[in-house]
Structures are given as C-alpha cells and as structure tokens.
Amino acid sequence: MAPVQQYYYSIIPLLDELHIALMVATSLQAQQRDVLDFLTQAIHAARFGQEHPNLRPQTPAEEETPFGGVAP
C-alpha cells in the first residue's frame, strides 16, 4: 500500500470522531447549553460508571445538576 493511502486510511477514524464531536457541540449550542459542562458531565459519568448526560433538548423540569442528578 502506498504511504499516502496508508495515511488516508489511518486518519478516517479520527475524522469520524471529530465529526461526532462537532455534531454534539453544534447540538448543544443550538440548545444554548454549555459544551464544556456537558463534556465534564460525560467524562465524570464514564469515569465513575454513572448514567451519561442526555443530548436531547431538556425541559426545565428535566434540567440536570452538574454531576448528572436531577434537580429538585
């Protein structure tokens, strides 16, 4: 396999991940939600085996606290 083709095939997974990250950021921005807060919640949930934050638009009753709990 030529070096250019090998490079092309090795970068495809990275481009897929970048595409997903940009879609998530765009969705959160459209919902006027903080991207960094969402990512912090997602990393915390993954690290501690908790439920991950939801990307769907939230109603005021569904708003989450910083670490994934439901607001009282």
Protein backbone atom coordinates (compact mmCIF):
# COMPACT_ATOMS: atom_id res chain seq x y z
CA MET A 1 0.00 0.00 0.00
CA ALA A 2 1.33 3.44 -0.90
CA PRO A 3 2.22 5.74 2.04
CA VAL A 4 -0.47 8.27 1.04
CA GLN A 5 -3.18 5.59 1.02
CA GLN A 6 -1.99 4.24 4.35
CA TYR A 7 -2.15 7.74 5.86
CA TYR A 8 -5.62 8.29 4.39
CA TYR A 9 -6.98 5.07 5.88
CA SER A 10 -5.41 5.76 9.28
CA ILE A 11 -6.95 9.23 9.55
CA ILE A 12 -10.55 8.18 8.74
CA PRO A 13 -11.38 7.10 12.33
CA LEU A 14 -10.07 10.42 13.64
CA LEU A 15 -12.23 12.32 11.17
CA ASP A 16 -15.26 10.29 12.26
CA GLU A 17 -14.62 11.19 15.91
CA LEU A 18 -14.12 14.85 15.02
CA HIS A 19 -17.38 14.82 13.05
CA ILE A 20 -19.26 13.40 16.05
CA ALA A 21 -17.67 15.95 18.41
CA LEU A 22 -18.68 18.81 16.11
CA MET A 23 -22.25 17.47 15.85
CA VAL A 24 -22.51 17.27 19.64
CA ALA A 25 -21.11 20.80 20.07
CA THR A 26 -23.46 22.18 17.42
CA SER A 27 -26.46 20.49 19.00
CA LEU A 28 -25.59 21.80 22.47
CA GLN A 29 -25.03 25.32 21.15
CA ALA A 30 -28.40 25.23 19.37
CA GLN A 31 -29.96 24.33 22.72
CA GLN A 32 -27.98 27.15 24.39
CA ARG A 33 -26.26 24.60 26.63
CA ASP A 34 -22.64 24.84 27.74
CA VAL A 35 -20.44 22.43 25.76
CA LEU A 36 -17.72 22.26 28.43
CA ASP A 37 -20.26 21.47 31.16
CA PHE A 38 -21.72 18.67 29.02
CA LEU A 39 -18.29 17.18 28.33
CA THR A 40 -17.36 17.44 32.01
CA GLN A 41 -20.55 15.58 32.95
CA ALA A 42 -19.93 12.94 30.29
CA ILE A 43 -16.35 12.31 31.43
CA HIS A 44 -17.39 12.19 35.08
CA ALA A 45 -20.18 9.72 34.28
CA ALA A 46 -17.86 7.48 32.26
CA ARG A 47 -15.18 7.53 34.92
CA PHE A 48 -17.49 6.70 37.81
CA GLY A 49 -19.88 4.36 35.99
CA GLN A 50 -22.84 6.71 36.22
CA GLU A 51 -25.55 7.43 33.66
CA HIS A 52 -24.26 9.69 30.90
CA PRO A 53 -25.83 13.11 30.23
CA ASN A 54 -28.54 13.31 27.61
CA LEU A 55 -28.03 15.24 24.40
CA ARG A 56 -31.76 15.65 23.76
CA PRO A 57 -33.27 19.06 24.46
CA GLN A 58 -34.38 19.34 28.06
CA THR A 59 -37.45 20.91 29.57
CA PRO A 60 -36.92 22.98 32.75
CA ALA A 61 -38.20 20.07 34.90
CA GLU A 62 -35.57 17.76 33.37
CA GLU A 63 -32.55 20.02 33.85
CA GLU A 64 -29.64 18.21 35.39
CA THR A 65 -27.32 19.22 38.20
CA PRO A 66 -23.59 19.34 37.37
CA PHE A 67 -22.97 15.64 38.01
CA GLY A 68 -26.00 14.06 36.40
CA GLY A 69 -28.54 14.16 39.21
CA VAL A 70 -31.99 15.55 38.65
CA ALA A 71 -32.68 18.99 40.09
CA PRO A 72 -35.16 19.04 42.99
